[in-house]
């Protein structure tokens, strides 16, 4: 899985506002591709290592059967200034990439596996995430 975007218009962006992440996004409430999904109940920022840990957990439990859709990607750059540097002199250099997650956003989707196996995989992936989450099922 790709760790960071290959091309950006600007190297550094504004800091991600926590209050905008609290707004629920209506179009992300139900899974689009699979029949089960892991939904975020809190707004947070995910790093690549957290996303990859959840993906690997799902893959291991489903024994590489079925399909997994990862709906999040680290596209926002975080910067940090060196320790013991004086004020001013610019924004600071790039330190890591994050993915802002809104309330109600679907992080992972699972399809093509038995129901109990999908629940188990998403339950284990939820334990790797730094926020509260729940498993939602697509109803027809």
N, C-alpha and C. Protein backbone atom coordinates (compact mmCIF):
# COMPACT_ATOMS: atom_id res chain seq x y z
N UNK A 1 0.84 -1.19 0.00
CA UNK A 1 0.00 0.00 0.00
C UNK A 1 0.88 1.25 0.00
N UNK A 2 0.45 2.27 -0.70
CA UNK A 2 1.23 3.48 -0.83
C UNK A 2 1.25 4.26 0.48
N UNK A 3 2.41 4.79 0.86
CA UNK A 3 2.55 5.48 2.13
C UNK A 3 2.18 6.94 2.07
N UNK A 4 2.45 7.58 0.96
CA UNK A 4 2.25 9.02 0.85
C UNK A 4 1.89 9.37 -0.58
N UNK A 5 1.32 10.54 -0.81
CA UNK A 5 1.00 10.92 -2.18
C UNK A 5 2.26 11.15 -3.01
N UNK A 6 2.18 10.84 -4.29
CA UNK A 6 3.35 10.97 -5.14
C UNK A 6 3.55 12.41 -5.60
N UNK A 7 2.46 13.14 -5.80
CA UNK A 7 2.58 14.53 -6.24
C UNK A 7 1.60 15.39 -5.47
N UNK A 8 2.02 16.55 -5.05
CA UNK A 8 1.16 17.51 -4.38
C UNK A 8 1.35 18.87 -5.02
N UNK A 9 0.33 19.69 -4.95
CA UNK A 9 0.43 21.04 -5.48
C UNK A 9 1.35 21.89 -4.61
N UNK A 10 1.22 21.72 -3.29
CA UNK A 10 2.08 22.45 -2.34
C UNK A 10 2.73 21.44 -1.40
N UNK A 11 3.93 21.78 -0.92
CA UNK A 11 4.63 20.89 0.00
C UNK A 11 3.97 20.85 1.37
N UNK A 12 3.57 22.01 1.87
CA UNK A 12 3.01 22.09 3.22
C UNK A 12 1.63 22.74 3.16
N UNK A 13 0.69 22.17 3.91
CA UNK A 13 -0.66 22.68 3.96
C UNK A 13 -0.95 23.24 5.35
N UNK A 14 -2.13 23.83 5.49
CA UNK A 14 -2.55 24.31 6.81
C UNK A 14 -2.79 23.13 7.73
N UNK A 15 -2.75 23.41 9.03
CA UNK A 15 -3.01 22.37 10.02
C UNK A 15 -4.47 21.95 9.95
N UNK A 16 -4.74 20.68 10.20
CA UNK A 16 -6.10 20.15 10.11
C UNK A 16 -6.90 20.61 11.32
N UNK A 17 -8.02 21.25 11.08
CA UNK A 17 -8.84 21.81 12.15
C UNK A 17 -9.70 20.71 12.78
N UNK A 18 -9.61 20.55 14.09
CA UNK A 18 -10.33 19.48 14.79
C UNK A 18 -11.85 19.71 14.75
N UNK A 19 -12.29 20.97 14.76
CA UNK A 19 -13.73 21.25 14.78
C UNK A 19 -14.40 20.85 13.46
N UNK A 20 -13.68 20.94 12.35
CA UNK A 20 -14.27 20.54 11.07
C UNK A 20 -14.39 19.03 10.96
N UNK A 21 -13.53 18.31 11.66
CA UNK A 21 -13.61 16.85 11.63
C UNK A 21 -14.80 16.35 12.44
N UNK A 22 -15.31 17.16 13.38
CA UNK A 22 -16.43 16.73 14.21
C UNK A 22 -17.73 16.68 13.41
N UNK A 23 -17.81 17.38 12.29
CA UNK A 23 -19.01 17.37 11.47
C UNK A 23 -19.16 16.01 10.80
N UNK A 24 -20.31 15.41 10.95
CA UNK A 24 -20.54 14.09 10.35
C UNK A 24 -20.71 14.22 8.85
N UNK A 25 -20.16 13.29 8.11
CA UNK A 25 -20.26 13.28 6.66
C UNK A 25 -21.33 12.25 6.27
N UNK A 26 -22.44 12.69 5.74
CA UNK A 26 -23.60 11.84 5.53
C UNK A 26 -23.36 10.75 4.49
N UNK A 27 -22.55 11.02 3.48
CA UNK A 27 -22.40 10.04 2.40
C UNK A 27 -21.47 8.90 2.77
N UNK A 28 -20.86 8.95 3.96
CA UNK A 28 -19.90 7.92 4.33
C UNK A 28 -20.44 6.97 5.40
N UNK A 29 -21.74 6.96 5.65
CA UNK A 29 -22.29 6.21 6.78
C UNK A 29 -22.38 4.71 6.55
N UNK A 30 -22.56 4.26 5.32
CA UNK A 30 -22.73 2.83 5.03
C UNK A 30 -21.66 2.36 4.05
N UNK A 31 -21.33 1.07 4.10
CA UNK A 31 -20.34 0.55 3.14
C UNK A 31 -20.82 0.67 1.70
N UNK A 32 -19.90 0.96 0.80
CA UNK A 32 -20.25 1.09 -0.62
C UNK A 32 -19.94 -0.17 -1.40
N UNK A 33 -18.86 -0.85 -1.05
CA UNK A 33 -18.39 -1.97 -1.84
C UNK A 33 -18.65 -3.32 -1.17
N UNK A 34 -18.32 -3.46 0.10
CA UNK A 34 -18.48 -4.72 0.82
C UNK A 34 -19.79 -4.77 1.58
N UNK A 35 -20.00 -5.85 2.34
CA UNK A 35 -21.23 -5.98 3.12
C UNK A 35 -21.01 -5.60 4.58
N UNK A 36 -19.76 -5.54 5.04
CA UNK A 36 -19.45 -5.11 6.40
C UNK A 36 -18.43 -3.98 6.35
N UNK A 37 -18.54 -3.04 7.28
CA UNK A 37 -17.60 -1.94 7.32
C UNK A 37 -17.28 -1.53 8.74
N UNK A 38 -16.11 -0.94 8.93
CA UNK A 38 -15.69 -0.42 10.23
C UNK A 38 -15.88 1.09 10.20
N UNK A 39 -16.78 1.60 11.06
CA UNK A 39 -17.16 3.00 11.05
C UNK A 39 -16.55 3.72 12.25
N UNK A 40 -15.97 4.89 12.02
CA UNK A 40 -15.37 5.69 13.08
C UNK A 40 -16.45 6.45 13.83
N UNK A 41 -16.41 6.43 15.15
CA UNK A 41 -17.37 7.15 15.98
C UNK A 41 -16.77 8.41 16.58
N UNK A 42 -15.50 8.64 16.37
CA UNK A 42 -14.82 9.83 16.85
C UNK A 42 -13.95 10.40 15.73
N UNK A 43 -13.71 11.69 15.79
CA UNK A 43 -12.83 12.33 14.82
C UNK A 43 -11.39 12.19 15.31
N UNK A 44 -10.50 11.85 14.41
CA UNK A 44 -9.09 11.68 14.78
C UNK A 44 -8.22 11.79 13.53
N UNK A 45 -6.93 11.64 13.73
CA UNK A 45 -5.98 11.58 12.63
C UNK A 45 -5.27 10.24 12.69
N UNK A 46 -5.26 9.52 11.60
CA UNK A 46 -4.62 8.22 11.52
C UNK A 46 -3.29 8.32 10.81
N UNK A 47 -2.30 7.62 11.30
CA UNK A 47 -1.01 7.55 10.61
C UNK A 47 -1.00 6.32 9.71
N UNK A 48 0.02 6.24 8.88
CA UNK A 48 0.11 5.11 7.95
C UNK A 48 0.27 3.80 8.70
N UNK A 49 1.05 3.80 9.79
CA UNK A 49 1.28 2.57 10.54
C UNK A 49 -0.02 2.03 11.15
N UNK A 50 -0.90 2.90 11.61
CA UNK A 50 -2.17 2.46 12.17
C UNK A 50 -3.07 1.87 11.10
N UNK A 51 -3.11 2.51 9.92
CA UNK A 51 -3.94 2.01 8.82
C UNK A 51 -3.42 0.65 8.35
N UNK A 52 -2.11 0.54 8.24
CA UNK A 52 -1.51 -0.70 7.76
C UNK A 52 -1.68 -1.83 8.78
N UNK A 53 -1.63 -1.51 10.07
CA UNK A 53 -1.82 -2.54 11.10
C UNK A 53 -3.24 -3.11 11.02
N UNK A 54 -4.23 -2.26 10.80
CA UNK A 54 -5.60 -2.74 10.65
C UNK A 54 -5.78 -3.58 9.40
N UNK A 55 -5.16 -3.17 8.30
CA UNK A 55 -5.27 -3.92 7.05
C UNK A 55 -4.63 -5.30 7.17
N UNK A 56 -3.46 -5.37 7.80
CA UNK A 56 -2.78 -6.65 7.96
C UNK A 56 -3.57 -7.58 8.87
N UNK A 57 -4.20 -7.02 9.89
CA UNK A 57 -5.00 -7.84 10.81
C UNK A 57 -6.18 -8.46 10.08
N UNK A 58 -6.87 -7.66 9.29
CA UNK A 58 -8.02 -8.18 8.52
C UNK A 58 -7.55 -9.25 7.55
N UNK A 59 -6.43 -9.01 6.89
CA UNK A 59 -5.91 -9.97 5.91
C UNK A 59 -5.53 -11.29 6.56
N UNK A 60 -4.95 -11.21 7.76
CA UNK A 60 -4.51 -12.42 8.45
C UNK A 60 -5.71 -13.26 8.91
N UNK A 61 -6.75 -12.61 9.41
CA UNK A 61 -7.90 -13.35 9.93
C UNK A 61 -8.74 -13.94 8.81
N UNK A 62 -8.89 -13.22 7.70
CA UNK A 62 -9.67 -13.75 6.58
C UNK A 62 -8.87 -14.75 5.75
N UNK A 63 -7.61 -14.95 6.09
CA UNK A 63 -6.73 -15.91 5.40
C UNK A 63 -6.64 -15.63 3.89
N UNK A 64 -6.55 -14.34 3.57
CA UNK A 64 -6.38 -13.86 2.19
C UNK A 64 -7.54 -14.25 1.28
N UNK A 65 -8.70 -14.47 1.85
CA UNK A 65 -9.89 -14.74 1.05
C UNK A 65 -10.74 -13.48 1.00
N UNK A 66 -11.61 -13.41 0.02
CA UNK A 66 -12.52 -12.28 -0.07
C UNK A 66 -11.82 -11.00 -0.49
N UNK A 67 -12.48 -9.89 -0.21
CA UNK A 67 -11.98 -8.59 -0.64
C UNK A 67 -11.92 -7.64 0.56
N UNK A 68 -10.92 -6.76 0.53
CA UNK A 68 -10.79 -5.71 1.54
C UNK A 68 -10.67 -4.39 0.80
N UNK A 69 -11.45 -3.42 1.23
CA UNK A 69 -11.36 -2.07 0.70
C UNK A 69 -10.91 -1.16 1.82
N UNK A 70 -9.81 -0.45 1.61
CA UNK A 70 -9.31 0.53 2.57
C UNK A 70 -9.72 1.90 2.05
N UNK A 71 -10.59 2.59 2.78
CA UNK A 71 -11.18 3.83 2.30
C UNK A 71 -10.46 5.08 2.79
N UNK A 72 -9.34 4.92 3.47
CA UNK A 72 -8.60 6.07 3.98
C UNK A 72 -7.18 6.05 3.41
N UNK A 73 -6.60 7.23 3.27
CA UNK A 73 -5.25 7.37 2.73
C UNK A 73 -4.57 8.56 3.38
N UNK A 74 -3.31 8.42 3.70
CA UNK A 74 -2.57 9.51 4.35
C UNK A 74 -2.15 10.52 3.30
N UNK A 75 -2.83 11.67 3.30
CA UNK A 75 -2.54 12.69 2.30
C UNK A 75 -2.15 14.02 2.92
N UNK A 76 -2.29 14.19 4.24
CA UNK A 76 -1.99 15.46 4.88
C UNK A 76 -0.62 15.39 5.53
N UNK A 77 0.20 16.37 5.26
CA UNK A 77 1.55 16.41 5.79
C UNK A 77 1.56 17.17 7.11
N UNK A 78 2.23 16.62 8.12
CA UNK A 78 2.41 17.30 9.40
C UNK A 78 3.85 17.76 9.50
N UNK A 79 4.03 18.96 10.02
CA UNK A 79 5.37 19.52 10.14
C UNK A 79 5.71 19.69 11.61
N UNK A 80 6.99 19.77 11.91
CA UNK A 80 7.43 20.04 13.27
C UNK A 80 8.74 20.82 13.22
N UNK A 81 8.89 21.73 14.17
CA UNK A 81 10.12 22.49 14.27
C UNK A 81 11.09 21.74 15.17
N UNK A 82 12.37 21.93 14.99
CA UNK A 82 13.34 21.25 15.85
C UNK A 82 13.20 21.69 17.32
N UNK A 83 13.62 20.83 18.21
CA UNK A 83 13.59 21.15 19.63
C UNK A 83 14.61 22.26 19.91
N UNK A 84 14.27 23.16 20.80
CA UNK A 84 15.13 24.27 21.23
C UNK A 84 15.44 25.24 20.09
N UNK A 85 14.46 25.43 19.19
CA UNK A 85 14.65 26.44 18.14
C UNK A 85 13.85 27.67 18.53
N UNK A 86 14.33 28.82 18.14
CA UNK A 86 13.66 30.06 18.50
C UNK A 86 12.43 30.28 17.63
N UNK A 87 11.60 31.20 18.09
CA UNK A 87 10.36 31.47 17.36
C UNK A 87 10.66 32.17 16.04
N UNK A 88 9.76 31.98 15.09
CA UNK A 88 9.97 32.56 13.76
C UNK A 88 10.70 31.60 12.86
N UNK A 89 11.29 32.11 11.82
CA UNK A 89 12.10 31.34 10.87
C UNK A 89 11.32 30.28 10.11
N UNK A 90 10.02 30.49 9.91
CA UNK A 90 9.27 29.59 9.05
C UNK A 90 8.50 28.51 9.77
N UNK A 91 7.92 27.63 8.98
CA UNK A 91 6.95 26.66 9.48
C UNK A 91 7.59 25.42 10.08
N UNK A 92 8.69 24.98 9.62
CA UNK A 92 9.29 23.73 10.09
C UNK A 92 9.26 22.70 8.98
N UNK A 93 10.05 21.66 9.15
CA UNK A 93 10.16 20.66 8.09
C UNK A 93 9.11 19.56 8.27
N UNK A 94 8.88 18.82 7.22
CA UNK A 94 7.89 17.74 7.21
C UNK A 94 8.32 16.64 8.18
N UNK A 95 7.37 16.13 8.98
CA UNK A 95 7.72 15.05 9.92
C UNK A 95 6.99 13.75 9.59
N UNK A 96 5.69 13.79 9.31
CA UNK A 96 4.97 12.56 8.99
C UNK A 96 3.67 12.89 8.24
N UNK A 97 3.04 11.84 7.69
CA UNK A 97 1.79 11.98 6.96
C UNK A 97 0.64 11.45 7.82
N UNK A 98 -0.51 12.11 7.74
CA UNK A 98 -1.68 11.66 8.49
C UNK A 98 -2.90 11.65 7.57
N UNK A 99 -3.94 10.96 8.03
CA UNK A 99 -5.22 10.93 7.34
C UNK A 99 -6.28 11.44 8.30
N UNK A 100 -6.90 12.59 8.04
CA UNK A 100 -7.97 13.06 8.92
C UNK A 100 -9.23 12.21 8.73
N UNK A 101 -9.81 11.76 9.83
CA UNK A 101 -10.99 10.90 9.80
C UNK A 101 -12.14 11.64 10.44
N UNK A 102 -13.26 11.71 9.74
CA UNK A 102 -14.45 12.38 10.27
C UNK A 102 -15.35 11.40 10.99
N UNK A 103 -16.28 11.94 11.75
CA UNK A 103 -17.24 11.11 12.48
C UNK A 103 -18.13 10.41 11.47
N UNK A 104 -18.30 9.10 11.61
CA UNK A 104 -19.17 8.34 10.72
C UNK A 104 -18.51 7.84 9.46
N UNK A 105 -17.23 8.08 9.29
CA UNK A 105 -16.55 7.64 8.07
C UNK A 105 -16.24 6.15 8.14
N UNK A 106 -16.40 5.46 7.02
CA UNK A 106 -16.09 4.04 6.92
C UNK A 106 -14.60 3.90 6.60
N UNK A 107 -13.87 3.18 7.47
CA UNK A 107 -12.43 3.02 7.29
C UNK A 107 -12.10 1.81 6.42
N UNK A 108 -12.64 0.66 6.78
CA UNK A 108 -12.38 -0.59 6.04
C UNK A 108 -13.72 -1.21 5.65
N UNK A 109 -13.71 -1.94 4.54
CA UNK A 109 -14.88 -2.71 4.12
C UNK A 109 -14.40 -4.12 3.77
N UNK A 110 -15.27 -5.09 4.07
CA UNK A 110 -14.95 -6.50 3.83
C UNK A 110 -16.08 -7.12 3.02
N UNK A 111 -15.73 -7.94 2.06
CA UNK A 111 -16.72 -8.66 1.26
C UNK A 111 -16.17 -9.98 0.77
N UNK A 112 -17.07 -10.91 0.48
CA UNK A 112 -16.65 -12.19 -0.07
C UNK A 112 -16.17 -13.20 0.94
N UNK A 113 -16.42 -12.96 2.23
CA UNK A 113 -16.06 -13.92 3.28
C UNK A 113 -17.32 -14.22 4.10
N UNK A 114 -17.33 -15.31 4.86
CA UNK A 114 -18.48 -15.58 5.72
C UNK A 114 -18.71 -14.45 6.73
N UNK A 115 -19.96 -14.32 7.16
CA UNK A 115 -20.35 -13.21 8.03
C UNK A 115 -19.56 -13.18 9.33
N UNK A 116 -19.42 -14.34 9.98
CA UNK A 116 -18.74 -14.38 11.27
C UNK A 116 -17.25 -14.04 11.13
N UNK A 117 -16.65 -14.42 10.00
CA UNK A 117 -15.24 -14.13 9.78
C UNK A 117 -15.01 -12.64 9.54
N UNK A 118 -15.93 -12.01 8.82
CA UNK A 118 -15.83 -10.57 8.59
C UNK A 118 -15.97 -9.78 9.89
N UNK A 119 -16.92 -10.19 10.75
CA UNK A 119 -17.09 -9.53 12.04
C UNK A 119 -15.82 -9.67 12.89
N UNK A 120 -15.27 -10.87 12.91
CA UNK A 120 -14.08 -11.11 13.72
C UNK A 120 -12.90 -10.28 13.24
N UNK A 121 -12.73 -10.20 11.93
CA UNK A 121 -11.61 -9.45 11.35
C UNK A 121 -11.75 -7.96 11.65
N UNK A 122 -12.95 -7.41 11.47
CA UNK A 122 -13.14 -5.99 11.72
C UNK A 122 -13.05 -5.67 13.20
N UNK A 123 -13.47 -6.61 14.05
CA UNK A 123 -13.37 -6.41 15.50
C UNK A 123 -11.91 -6.31 15.93
N UNK A 124 -11.06 -7.16 15.36
CA UNK A 124 -9.64 -7.10 15.68
C UNK A 124 -9.00 -5.83 15.12
N UNK A 125 -9.42 -5.40 13.94
CA UNK A 125 -8.88 -4.18 13.35
C UNK A 125 -9.30 -2.96 14.17
N UNK A 126 -10.49 -3.01 14.77
CA UNK A 126 -10.96 -1.89 15.59
C UNK A 126 -10.09 -1.72 16.83
N UNK A 127 -9.54 -2.83 17.32
CA UNK A 127 -8.69 -2.73 18.50
C UNK A 127 -7.36 -2.06 18.20
N UNK A 128 -6.97 -2.00 16.92
CA UNK A 128 -5.73 -1.34 16.53
C UNK A 128 -5.90 0.16 16.32
N UNK A 129 -7.15 0.63 16.23
CA UNK A 129 -7.41 2.03 15.94
C UNK A 129 -7.39 2.88 17.21
N UNK A 130 -6.99 4.16 17.11
CA UNK A 130 -6.89 5.01 18.29
C UNK A 130 -8.19 5.72 18.66
N UNK A 131 -9.33 5.28 18.13
CA UNK A 131 -10.60 5.92 18.44
C UNK A 131 -11.68 4.85 18.58
N UNK A 132 -12.85 5.28 19.06
CA UNK A 132 -13.98 4.35 19.16
C UNK A 132 -14.52 4.10 17.77
N UNK A 133 -14.93 2.87 17.52
CA UNK A 133 -15.48 2.53 16.21
C UNK A 133 -16.49 1.42 16.38
N UNK A 134 -17.31 1.22 15.35
CA UNK A 134 -18.31 0.15 15.37
C UNK A 134 -18.37 -0.52 14.01
N UNK A 135 -18.96 -1.70 13.98
CA UNK A 135 -19.08 -2.46 12.74
C UNK A 135 -20.49 -2.26 12.21
N UNK A 136 -20.61 -1.87 10.95
CA UNK A 136 -21.91 -1.65 10.34
C UNK A 136 -22.10 -2.65 9.22
N UNK A 137 -23.34 -3.04 9.01
CA UNK A 137 -23.67 -4.02 7.98
C UNK A 137 -24.54 -3.36 6.93
N UNK A 138 -24.30 -3.69 5.69
CA UNK A 138 -25.09 -3.15 4.59
C UNK A 138 -26.41 -3.91 4.52
N UNK A 139 -27.53 -3.20 4.57
CA UNK A 139 -28.83 -3.82 4.48
C UNK A 139 -29.43 -3.47 3.12
N UNK A 140 -30.07 -4.44 2.51
CA UNK A 140 -30.62 -4.24 1.17
C UNK A 140 -32.09 -3.92 1.26
